Amino acid sequence: MSRQVDCQKECTNGCILGDKCPNLEYLAKARKLLAETSIDKLIEISDSRFLPPPPPAQ
């Protein structure tokens, strides 16, 4: 029997399932993004999250 885990709540200090984590593919993608993206680009991406949305096209 496998245990259902709410990762957002239970894994705040790290994954509690280890190699059985269903989200390992996302971890690999995140590590790849961080390894291949400059810090300046990462900051730009982060900053863009707080900009107001563009006005709708008319």
Protein backbone atom coordinates (compact mmCIF):
# COMPACT_ATOMS: atom_id res chain seq x y z
CA MET A 1 0.00 0.00 0.00
CA SER A 2 1.44 3.37 -0.99
CA ARG A 3 0.92 6.52 1.02
CA GLN A 4 -0.63 9.64 -0.52
CA VAL A 5 1.56 12.66 0.14
CA ASP A 6 0.63 16.32 -0.27
CA CYS A 7 4.07 17.47 -1.40
CA GLN A 8 3.29 21.16 -1.03
CA LYS A 9 2.58 20.72 2.68
CA GLU A 10 4.65 17.72 3.73
CA CYS A 11 7.87 18.18 1.77
CA THR A 12 8.68 21.76 2.80
CA ASN A 13 12.03 20.63 4.24
CA GLY A 14 12.80 18.23 1.40
CA CYS A 15 11.17 15.27 -0.27
CA ILE A 16 9.98 12.63 2.18
CA LEU A 17 9.55 9.90 -0.45
CA GLY A 18 13.09 9.92 -1.84
CA ASP A 19 13.46 7.77 -4.97
CA LYS A 20 9.73 6.97 -4.92
CA CYS A 21 8.75 10.61 -5.43
CA PRO A 22 6.33 10.98 -8.36
CA ASN A 23 7.76 14.43 -9.12
CA LEU A 24 11.40 13.51 -9.82
CA GLU A 25 11.08 14.52 -13.49
CA TYR A 26 10.29 18.09 -12.39
CA LEU A 27 13.34 18.14 -10.13
CA ALA A 28 15.53 17.14 -13.07
CA LYS A 29 13.98 19.87 -15.25
CA ALA A 30 14.49 22.49 -12.54
CA ARG A 31 18.12 21.49 -12.03
CA LYS A 32 18.72 21.64 -15.80
CA LEU A 33 17.18 25.12 -16.01
CA LEU A 34 19.33 26.38 -13.14
CA ALA A 35 22.50 24.85 -14.58
CA GLU A 36 21.96 26.23 -18.09
CA THR A 37 20.54 29.69 -17.35
CA SER A 38 22.59 32.71 -16.31
CA ILE A 39 21.81 34.37 -13.00
CA ASP A 40 20.88 37.56 -14.87
CA LYS A 41 18.27 35.68 -16.91
CA LEU A 42 16.91 33.99 -13.77
CA ILE A 43 16.52 37.39 -12.11
CA GLU A 44 14.78 38.72 -15.22
CA ILE A 45 12.36 35.79 -15.16
CA SER A 46 11.70 36.33 -11.46
CA ASP A 47 11.13 40.06 -11.87
CA SER A 48 8.69 39.52 -14.73
CA ARG A 49 6.38 37.61 -12.37
CA PHE A 50 5.59 40.88 -10.55
CA LEU A 51 4.94 43.10 -13.57
CA PRO A 52 1.34 44.05 -14.37
CA PRO A 53 -0.16 42.11 -17.28
CA PRO A 54 -0.07 43.82 -20.69
CA PRO A 55 -3.28 45.58 -21.74
CA PRO A 56 -5.62 43.53 -23.93
CA ALA A 57 -5.14 43.87 -27.69
CA GLN A 58 -7.76 45.99 -29.42
